[in-house]
N, C-alpha and C. Protein backbone atom coordinates (compact mmCIF):
# COMPACT_ATOMS: atom_id res chain seq x y z
N MET A 1 17.20 0.64 21.67
CA MET A 1 16.30 0.91 20.53
C MET A 1 15.26 1.94 20.98
N LYS A 2 15.09 2.98 20.17
CA LYS A 2 14.15 4.03 20.56
C LYS A 2 12.71 3.56 20.34
N PRO A 3 11.74 4.08 21.13
CA PRO A 3 10.35 3.67 20.96
C PRO A 3 9.81 4.11 19.60
N VAL A 4 8.93 3.30 19.04
CA VAL A 4 8.32 3.61 17.74
C VAL A 4 7.19 4.61 17.96
N PRO A 5 7.12 5.68 17.16
CA PRO A 5 6.02 6.64 17.31
C PRO A 5 4.67 5.94 17.16
N ALA A 6 3.69 6.43 17.90
CA ALA A 6 2.35 5.83 17.85
C ALA A 6 1.81 5.84 16.43
N SER A 7 2.14 6.85 15.65
CA SER A 7 1.60 6.91 14.29
C SER A 7 2.03 5.72 13.45
N ALA A 8 3.26 5.21 13.65
CA ALA A 8 3.72 4.05 12.88
C ALA A 8 2.88 2.83 13.24
N ALA A 9 2.64 2.61 14.53
CA ALA A 9 1.82 1.47 14.96
C ALA A 9 0.39 1.61 14.44
N GLN A 10 -0.16 2.82 14.48
CA GLN A 10 -1.51 3.04 13.98
C GLN A 10 -1.60 2.83 12.48
N LEU A 11 -0.57 3.24 11.75
CA LEU A 11 -0.57 3.03 10.30
C LEU A 11 -0.50 1.54 9.95
N VAL A 12 0.33 0.79 10.63
CA VAL A 12 0.41 -0.65 10.37
C VAL A 12 -0.93 -1.30 10.69
N ASN A 13 -1.54 -0.92 11.80
CA ASN A 13 -2.85 -1.46 12.16
C ASN A 13 -3.89 -1.09 11.10
N SER A 14 -3.89 0.13 10.65
CA SER A 14 -4.82 0.57 9.61
C SER A 14 -4.63 -0.25 8.33
N PHE A 15 -3.37 -0.43 7.93
CA PHE A 15 -3.07 -1.23 6.74
C PHE A 15 -3.61 -2.65 6.90
N GLN A 16 -3.36 -3.25 8.05
CA GLN A 16 -3.82 -4.62 8.25
C GLN A 16 -5.34 -4.71 8.18
N ILE A 17 -6.03 -3.77 8.79
CA ILE A 17 -7.50 -3.79 8.78
C ILE A 17 -8.05 -3.55 7.38
N MET A 18 -7.50 -2.59 6.69
CA MET A 18 -8.05 -2.21 5.38
C MET A 18 -7.64 -3.18 4.26
N CYS A 19 -6.49 -3.83 4.39
CA CYS A 19 -5.97 -4.58 3.25
C CYS A 19 -5.73 -6.08 3.45
N THR A 20 -5.72 -6.57 4.68
CA THR A 20 -5.33 -7.98 4.84
C THR A 20 -6.43 -8.90 5.35
N LEU A 21 -7.56 -8.36 5.75
CA LEU A 21 -8.60 -9.21 6.33
C LEU A 21 -9.47 -9.92 5.30
N GLU A 22 -9.48 -9.43 4.07
CA GLU A 22 -10.29 -10.02 3.00
C GLU A 22 -9.43 -10.15 1.74
N PRO A 23 -9.83 -11.00 0.81
CA PRO A 23 -9.10 -11.06 -0.47
C PRO A 23 -9.12 -9.69 -1.16
N LEU A 24 -8.06 -9.40 -1.93
CA LEU A 24 -7.99 -8.13 -2.64
C LEU A 24 -9.16 -8.02 -3.61
N SER A 25 -9.91 -6.93 -3.49
CA SER A 25 -11.05 -6.69 -4.37
C SER A 25 -11.30 -5.19 -4.44
N PHE A 26 -11.16 -4.62 -5.63
CA PHE A 26 -11.41 -3.20 -5.82
C PHE A 26 -12.83 -2.86 -5.39
N ALA A 27 -13.80 -3.65 -5.86
CA ALA A 27 -15.22 -3.38 -5.55
C ALA A 27 -15.48 -3.45 -4.06
N ARG A 28 -14.94 -4.45 -3.38
CA ARG A 28 -15.17 -4.58 -1.94
C ARG A 28 -14.51 -3.44 -1.17
N SER A 29 -13.30 -3.05 -1.57
CA SER A 29 -12.62 -1.93 -0.92
C SER A 29 -13.38 -0.63 -1.12
N GLU A 30 -13.89 -0.44 -2.33
CA GLU A 30 -14.68 0.76 -2.63
C GLU A 30 -15.95 0.77 -1.77
N GLU A 31 -16.58 -0.38 -1.63
CA GLU A 31 -17.78 -0.50 -0.79
C GLU A 31 -17.44 -0.20 0.68
N LYS A 32 -16.33 -0.76 1.16
CA LYS A 32 -15.91 -0.54 2.54
C LYS A 32 -15.66 0.95 2.80
N ALA A 33 -14.96 1.62 1.90
CA ALA A 33 -14.69 3.05 2.06
C ALA A 33 -15.99 3.85 2.06
N GLY A 34 -16.95 3.45 1.22
CA GLY A 34 -18.25 4.12 1.19
C GLY A 34 -19.01 3.95 2.49
N LEU A 35 -19.00 2.73 3.03
CA LEU A 35 -19.68 2.47 4.29
C LEU A 35 -19.05 3.26 5.44
N MET A 36 -17.74 3.48 5.34
CA MET A 36 -17.04 4.27 6.36
C MET A 36 -17.17 5.77 6.12
N ARG A 37 -17.81 6.14 5.01
CA ARG A 37 -17.99 7.54 4.61
C ARG A 37 -16.67 8.30 4.48
N LEU A 38 -15.68 7.62 3.92
CA LEU A 38 -14.38 8.25 3.71
C LEU A 38 -14.44 9.18 2.50
N PRO A 39 -13.91 10.38 2.60
CA PRO A 39 -13.91 11.28 1.44
C PRO A 39 -12.93 10.80 0.36
N VAL A 40 -13.39 10.82 -0.89
CA VAL A 40 -12.55 10.42 -2.02
C VAL A 40 -11.50 11.50 -2.25
N ARG A 41 -10.24 11.07 -2.40
CA ARG A 41 -9.14 12.00 -2.70
C ARG A 41 -8.85 12.01 -4.20
N GLU A 42 -8.88 10.81 -4.80
CA GLU A 42 -8.53 10.70 -6.22
C GLU A 42 -9.24 9.49 -6.80
N ASP A 43 -9.70 9.62 -8.02
CA ASP A 43 -10.37 8.51 -8.72
C ASP A 43 -9.89 8.52 -10.16
N LEU A 44 -8.98 7.64 -10.49
CA LEU A 44 -8.38 7.58 -11.83
C LEU A 44 -8.83 6.30 -12.53
N ARG A 45 -9.25 6.44 -13.77
CA ARG A 45 -9.69 5.27 -14.54
C ARG A 45 -9.35 5.46 -16.01
N THR A 46 -8.92 4.38 -16.62
CA THR A 46 -8.80 4.36 -18.08
C THR A 46 -9.75 3.27 -18.57
N PRO A 47 -10.57 3.58 -19.57
CA PRO A 47 -11.49 2.55 -20.06
C PRO A 47 -10.73 1.41 -20.73
N ALA A 48 -11.34 0.25 -20.75
CA ALA A 48 -10.73 -0.90 -21.40
C ALA A 48 -10.54 -0.62 -22.88
N ASN A 49 -9.38 -0.98 -23.41
CA ASN A 49 -9.14 -0.83 -24.84
C ASN A 49 -9.59 -2.10 -25.57
N ALA A 50 -9.31 -2.19 -26.84
CA ALA A 50 -9.75 -3.34 -27.65
C ALA A 50 -9.18 -4.66 -27.13
N SER A 51 -8.03 -4.61 -26.48
CA SER A 51 -7.41 -5.82 -25.92
C SER A 51 -7.91 -6.14 -24.53
N GLY A 52 -8.78 -5.29 -23.98
CA GLY A 52 -9.29 -5.50 -22.64
C GLY A 52 -8.40 -4.93 -21.54
N HIS A 53 -7.37 -4.19 -21.92
CA HIS A 53 -6.47 -3.59 -20.94
C HIS A 53 -7.11 -2.35 -20.32
N PHE A 54 -7.02 -2.23 -19.00
CA PHE A 54 -7.57 -1.07 -18.31
C PHE A 54 -6.79 -0.85 -17.02
N MET A 55 -7.02 0.29 -16.40
CA MET A 55 -6.43 0.61 -15.11
C MET A 55 -7.42 1.47 -14.35
N ARG A 56 -7.49 1.22 -13.04
CA ARG A 56 -8.25 2.12 -12.18
C ARG A 56 -7.59 2.15 -10.81
N SER A 57 -7.63 3.32 -10.22
CA SER A 57 -7.04 3.53 -8.90
C SER A 57 -7.89 4.56 -8.18
N LYS A 58 -8.13 4.32 -6.92
CA LYS A 58 -8.96 5.23 -6.14
C LYS A 58 -8.36 5.36 -4.75
N SER A 59 -8.38 6.58 -4.21
CA SER A 59 -7.87 6.78 -2.86
C SER A 59 -8.87 7.60 -2.05
N TRP A 60 -8.84 7.35 -0.76
CA TRP A 60 -9.71 8.03 0.19
C TRP A 60 -8.88 8.54 1.34
N LEU A 61 -9.32 9.63 1.96
CA LEU A 61 -8.67 10.15 3.15
C LEU A 61 -9.16 9.34 4.35
N LEU A 62 -8.22 8.75 5.08
CA LEU A 62 -8.55 7.92 6.23
C LEU A 62 -7.97 8.60 7.48
N PRO A 63 -8.85 9.16 8.32
CA PRO A 63 -8.34 9.88 9.49
C PRO A 63 -7.90 8.93 10.60
N LEU A 64 -6.84 9.31 11.27
CA LEU A 64 -6.38 8.63 12.47
C LEU A 64 -6.13 9.69 13.53
N LYS A 65 -6.13 9.31 14.79
CA LYS A 65 -5.84 10.27 15.85
C LYS A 65 -4.45 10.86 15.68
N SER A 66 -3.51 10.08 15.16
CA SER A 66 -2.14 10.56 14.97
C SER A 66 -1.97 11.38 13.68
N GLY A 67 -2.99 11.43 12.87
CA GLY A 67 -2.93 12.18 11.61
C GLY A 67 -3.52 11.37 10.47
N PRO A 68 -4.01 12.03 9.44
CA PRO A 68 -4.65 11.32 8.33
C PRO A 68 -3.63 10.66 7.40
N HIS A 69 -4.13 9.68 6.64
CA HIS A 69 -3.34 9.06 5.58
C HIS A 69 -4.31 8.63 4.48
N ASP A 70 -3.76 8.20 3.36
CA ASP A 70 -4.58 7.76 2.24
C ASP A 70 -4.73 6.25 2.25
N PHE A 71 -5.93 5.80 1.96
CA PHE A 71 -6.24 4.39 1.70
C PHE A 71 -6.38 4.30 0.19
N VAL A 72 -5.62 3.41 -0.45
CA VAL A 72 -5.54 3.36 -1.91
C VAL A 72 -5.79 1.94 -2.41
N VAL A 73 -6.63 1.80 -3.43
CA VAL A 73 -6.81 0.52 -4.10
C VAL A 73 -6.64 0.72 -5.60
N SER A 74 -6.09 -0.28 -6.25
CA SER A 74 -5.84 -0.22 -7.69
C SER A 74 -6.06 -1.60 -8.29
N GLU A 75 -6.40 -1.60 -9.56
CA GLU A 75 -6.40 -2.85 -10.31
C GLU A 75 -6.21 -2.51 -11.77
N GLY A 76 -5.68 -3.47 -12.50
CA GLY A 76 -5.46 -3.25 -13.92
C GLY A 76 -5.16 -4.54 -14.64
N VAL A 77 -5.37 -4.48 -15.92
CA VAL A 77 -5.03 -5.56 -16.83
C VAL A 77 -4.23 -4.92 -17.95
N GLY A 78 -3.04 -5.45 -18.21
CA GLY A 78 -2.18 -4.89 -19.24
C GLY A 78 -1.40 -5.97 -19.94
N PRO A 79 -0.56 -5.58 -20.88
CA PRO A 79 0.19 -6.56 -21.65
C PRO A 79 1.17 -7.38 -20.81
N LYS A 80 1.59 -6.85 -19.66
CA LYS A 80 2.52 -7.59 -18.80
C LYS A 80 1.83 -8.36 -17.70
N GLY A 81 0.51 -8.24 -17.58
CA GLY A 81 -0.20 -9.02 -16.58
C GLY A 81 -1.34 -8.27 -15.91
N ASP A 82 -1.97 -8.97 -15.00
CA ASP A 82 -3.07 -8.43 -14.21
C ASP A 82 -2.52 -8.10 -12.83
N ILE A 83 -3.05 -7.05 -12.23
CA ILE A 83 -2.59 -6.69 -10.89
C ILE A 83 -3.73 -6.11 -10.07
N LYS A 84 -3.72 -6.42 -8.80
CA LYS A 84 -4.63 -5.82 -7.82
C LYS A 84 -3.75 -5.36 -6.68
N ALA A 85 -4.08 -4.21 -6.08
CA ALA A 85 -3.28 -3.69 -4.98
C ALA A 85 -4.16 -2.95 -3.99
N CYS A 86 -3.75 -3.01 -2.74
CA CYS A 86 -4.42 -2.30 -1.65
C CYS A 86 -3.33 -1.76 -0.76
N GLY A 87 -3.44 -0.50 -0.36
CA GLY A 87 -2.38 0.04 0.47
C GLY A 87 -2.72 1.34 1.15
N ILE A 88 -1.69 1.89 1.77
CA ILE A 88 -1.79 3.18 2.41
C ILE A 88 -0.62 4.04 1.97
N ALA A 89 -0.82 5.33 2.06
CA ALA A 89 0.23 6.30 1.78
C ALA A 89 0.13 7.39 2.83
N ALA A 90 1.27 7.85 3.30
CA ALA A 90 1.28 8.92 4.30
C ALA A 90 2.48 9.82 4.04
N ALA A 91 2.24 11.11 4.07
CA ALA A 91 3.30 12.07 3.75
C ALA A 91 4.17 12.44 4.94
N ASP A 92 3.68 12.23 6.15
CA ASP A 92 4.39 12.76 7.32
C ASP A 92 4.95 11.68 8.24
N VAL A 93 5.28 10.53 7.69
CA VAL A 93 5.80 9.41 8.49
C VAL A 93 7.18 9.04 7.97
N GLY A 94 8.08 8.78 8.88
CA GLY A 94 9.43 8.40 8.50
C GLY A 94 9.51 6.93 8.09
N LYS A 95 10.28 6.65 7.07
CA LYS A 95 10.44 5.32 6.51
C LYS A 95 10.98 4.32 7.55
N ASP A 96 12.02 4.67 8.24
CA ASP A 96 12.66 3.72 9.15
C ASP A 96 11.75 3.30 10.30
N ASP A 97 11.03 4.27 10.89
CA ASP A 97 10.12 3.94 11.99
C ASP A 97 9.01 3.01 11.52
N LEU A 98 8.42 3.31 10.36
CA LEU A 98 7.32 2.48 9.89
C LEU A 98 7.81 1.10 9.47
N GLN A 99 8.94 1.03 8.81
CA GLN A 99 9.45 -0.28 8.40
C GLN A 99 9.77 -1.14 9.61
N ALA A 100 10.36 -0.57 10.64
CA ALA A 100 10.65 -1.33 11.86
C ALA A 100 9.36 -1.85 12.49
N GLU A 101 8.34 -1.01 12.53
CA GLU A 101 7.06 -1.42 13.13
C GLU A 101 6.38 -2.50 12.31
N MET A 102 6.39 -2.38 10.98
CA MET A 102 5.70 -3.40 10.17
C MET A 102 6.45 -4.72 10.20
N VAL A 103 7.77 -4.71 10.23
CA VAL A 103 8.54 -5.95 10.32
C VAL A 103 8.23 -6.66 11.64
N LYS A 104 8.17 -5.89 12.72
CA LYS A 104 7.87 -6.47 14.04
C LYS A 104 6.43 -6.98 14.10
N THR A 105 5.47 -6.15 13.74
CA THR A 105 4.05 -6.49 13.88
C THR A 105 3.63 -7.61 12.93
N MET A 106 4.10 -7.56 11.69
CA MET A 106 3.69 -8.55 10.69
C MET A 106 4.63 -9.75 10.66
N LYS A 107 5.63 -9.75 11.55
CA LYS A 107 6.59 -10.85 11.65
C LYS A 107 7.24 -11.15 10.30
N LEU A 108 7.75 -10.10 9.67
CA LEU A 108 8.40 -10.22 8.37
C LEU A 108 9.89 -10.51 8.56
N GLY A 109 10.43 -11.29 7.67
CA GLY A 109 11.87 -11.51 7.67
C GLY A 109 12.53 -10.47 6.79
N LYS A 110 13.66 -10.83 6.24
CA LYS A 110 14.38 -9.95 5.33
C LYS A 110 13.61 -9.86 4.01
N PRO A 111 13.54 -8.67 3.41
CA PRO A 111 12.83 -8.56 2.12
C PRO A 111 13.49 -9.41 1.03
N ALA A 112 12.68 -9.85 0.08
CA ALA A 112 13.21 -10.62 -1.06
C ALA A 112 14.05 -9.73 -1.96
N THR A 113 13.63 -8.48 -2.11
CA THR A 113 14.39 -7.52 -2.92
C THR A 113 14.37 -6.16 -2.23
N GLU A 114 15.45 -5.44 -2.43
CA GLU A 114 15.56 -4.06 -1.95
C GLU A 114 16.24 -3.26 -3.06
N SER A 115 15.74 -2.04 -3.27
CA SER A 115 16.34 -1.20 -4.30
C SER A 115 16.24 0.26 -3.89
N VAL A 116 17.07 1.07 -4.54
CA VAL A 116 17.07 2.52 -4.33
C VAL A 116 16.95 3.16 -5.70
N SER A 117 16.14 4.22 -5.77
CA SER A 117 15.93 4.93 -7.04
C SER A 117 17.26 5.49 -7.56
N ALA A 118 17.31 5.77 -8.86
CA ALA A 118 18.53 6.27 -9.49
C ALA A 118 19.04 7.55 -8.83
N ASP A 119 18.11 8.39 -8.36
CA ASP A 119 18.54 9.64 -7.71
C ASP A 119 18.81 9.47 -6.22
N GLY A 120 18.62 8.26 -5.69
CA GLY A 120 18.94 7.96 -4.31
C GLY A 120 17.94 8.43 -3.27
N THR A 121 16.78 8.93 -3.69
CA THR A 121 15.84 9.50 -2.73
C THR A 121 14.76 8.53 -2.26
N LEU A 122 14.51 7.46 -3.01
CA LEU A 122 13.42 6.54 -2.68
C LEU A 122 13.96 5.13 -2.57
N SER A 123 13.65 4.47 -1.47
CA SER A 123 14.05 3.06 -1.32
C SER A 123 12.79 2.20 -1.30
N THR A 124 12.89 1.01 -1.88
CA THR A 124 11.76 0.09 -1.97
C THR A 124 12.20 -1.30 -1.53
N ALA A 125 11.35 -1.93 -0.74
CA ALA A 125 11.59 -3.31 -0.30
C ALA A 125 10.35 -4.13 -0.64
N ILE A 126 10.55 -5.36 -1.09
CA ILE A 126 9.45 -6.25 -1.43
C ILE A 126 9.62 -7.58 -0.70
N TRP A 127 8.55 -7.99 -0.04
CA TRP A 127 8.48 -9.31 0.60
C TRP A 127 7.54 -10.14 -0.25
N ARG A 128 7.95 -11.31 -0.65
CA ARG A 128 7.14 -12.18 -1.50
C ARG A 128 6.37 -13.20 -0.65
N ASP A 129 5.24 -13.60 -1.18
CA ASP A 129 4.43 -14.67 -0.60
C ASP A 129 4.07 -14.42 0.87
N VAL A 130 3.65 -13.21 1.14
CA VAL A 130 3.07 -12.89 2.45
C VAL A 130 1.57 -12.82 2.25
N PHE A 131 0.78 -13.12 3.21
CA PHE A 131 -0.67 -13.03 3.07
C PHE A 131 -1.19 -13.77 1.84
N LYS A 132 -1.16 -15.08 1.88
CA LYS A 132 -1.78 -15.93 0.84
C LYS A 132 -1.21 -15.70 -0.56
N GLY A 133 0.10 -15.67 -0.67
CA GLY A 133 0.75 -15.57 -1.98
C GLY A 133 0.92 -14.17 -2.52
N LEU A 134 0.51 -13.16 -1.78
CA LEU A 134 0.62 -11.78 -2.25
C LEU A 134 1.98 -11.20 -1.89
N GLU A 135 2.34 -10.13 -2.58
CA GLU A 135 3.57 -9.41 -2.30
C GLU A 135 3.28 -8.18 -1.46
N LEU A 136 4.21 -7.85 -0.60
CA LEU A 136 4.13 -6.65 0.21
C LEU A 136 5.22 -5.72 -0.27
N MET A 137 4.84 -4.52 -0.73
CA MET A 137 5.82 -3.56 -1.23
C MET A 137 5.79 -2.33 -0.33
N PHE A 138 6.96 -1.92 0.12
CA PHE A 138 7.10 -0.75 0.99
C PHE A 138 8.11 0.19 0.37
N SER A 139 7.70 1.42 0.14
CA SER A 139 8.60 2.44 -0.39
C SER A 139 8.59 3.64 0.55
N GLY A 140 9.75 4.22 0.73
CA GLY A 140 9.86 5.39 1.59
C GLY A 140 10.93 6.34 1.11
N ARG A 141 10.72 7.60 1.41
CA ARG A 141 11.68 8.64 1.07
C ARG A 141 12.89 8.51 2.00
N ARG A 142 14.07 8.53 1.44
CA ARG A 142 15.28 8.41 2.24
C ARG A 142 15.70 9.75 2.83
N ASP A 143 15.31 10.83 2.19
CA ASP A 143 15.78 12.15 2.62
C ASP A 143 14.75 12.94 3.42
N ARG A 144 13.52 12.45 3.47
CA ARG A 144 12.47 13.13 4.25
C ARG A 144 11.33 12.15 4.47
N THR A 145 10.25 12.61 5.06
CA THR A 145 9.15 11.71 5.37
C THR A 145 8.31 11.42 4.12
N GLY A 146 7.53 10.34 4.20
CA GLY A 146 6.65 9.93 3.13
C GLY A 146 6.81 8.45 2.83
N ILE A 147 5.70 7.70 2.93
CA ILE A 147 5.77 6.25 2.72
C ILE A 147 4.61 5.77 1.86
N TYR A 148 4.80 4.61 1.24
CA TYR A 148 3.78 3.87 0.50
C TYR A 148 3.92 2.42 0.92
N LEU A 149 2.82 1.82 1.35
CA LEU A 149 2.81 0.41 1.76
C LEU A 149 1.67 -0.28 1.04
N PHE A 150 1.98 -1.26 0.18
CA PHE A 150 0.96 -1.92 -0.64
C PHE A 150 1.08 -3.42 -0.57
N LEU A 151 -0.07 -4.06 -0.55
CA LEU A 151 -0.20 -5.50 -0.71
C LEU A 151 -0.70 -5.70 -2.14
N GLN A 152 -0.03 -6.53 -2.91
CA GLN A 152 -0.40 -6.67 -4.32
C GLN A 152 -0.25 -8.09 -4.82
N THR A 153 -1.00 -8.37 -5.88
CA THR A 153 -0.85 -9.66 -6.54
C THR A 153 0.43 -9.63 -7.35
N PRO A 154 1.16 -10.73 -7.40
CA PRO A 154 2.30 -10.78 -8.34
C PRO A 154 1.75 -10.73 -9.76
N MET A 155 2.53 -10.27 -10.69
CA MET A 155 2.09 -10.22 -12.09
C MET A 155 1.69 -11.63 -12.53
N SER A 156 0.52 -11.74 -13.19
CA SER A 156 -0.03 -13.07 -13.47
C SER A 156 0.31 -13.61 -14.84
N ARG A 157 0.98 -12.87 -15.67
CA ARG A 157 1.32 -13.41 -16.99
C ARG A 157 2.79 -13.47 -17.18
């Protein structure tokens, strides 16, 4: 088995620190990023409609010695349920290396579900009931680098 690049180990560590040490909270994550003086990359919000449905997502640039990545938090309320999510995204990391590192470090078994996009370029794996009932979703490009790793609440309705 080939050694895992340092960037994969650093990304898993970053994910664990930013997303698993406290309960999922958009406000707390926003506060943490502010205290760390992380530059905002994107701030998307839709105001609540008459039914109380809304969405907000914010990302910050999080530097690492091996290269920067995005720290992302989201929350929303919609007709299909409420959701909170915390994760990381990186454009220059290979899916296989990161998935191997996260399975080893987080002691994950086989994912509950695995799927591939219709065009075959994106694969997604979901582990259920990790970290106090939350789901872990990992998506990666099959044909080139780029990953998304999120801890999220299961849909509540």
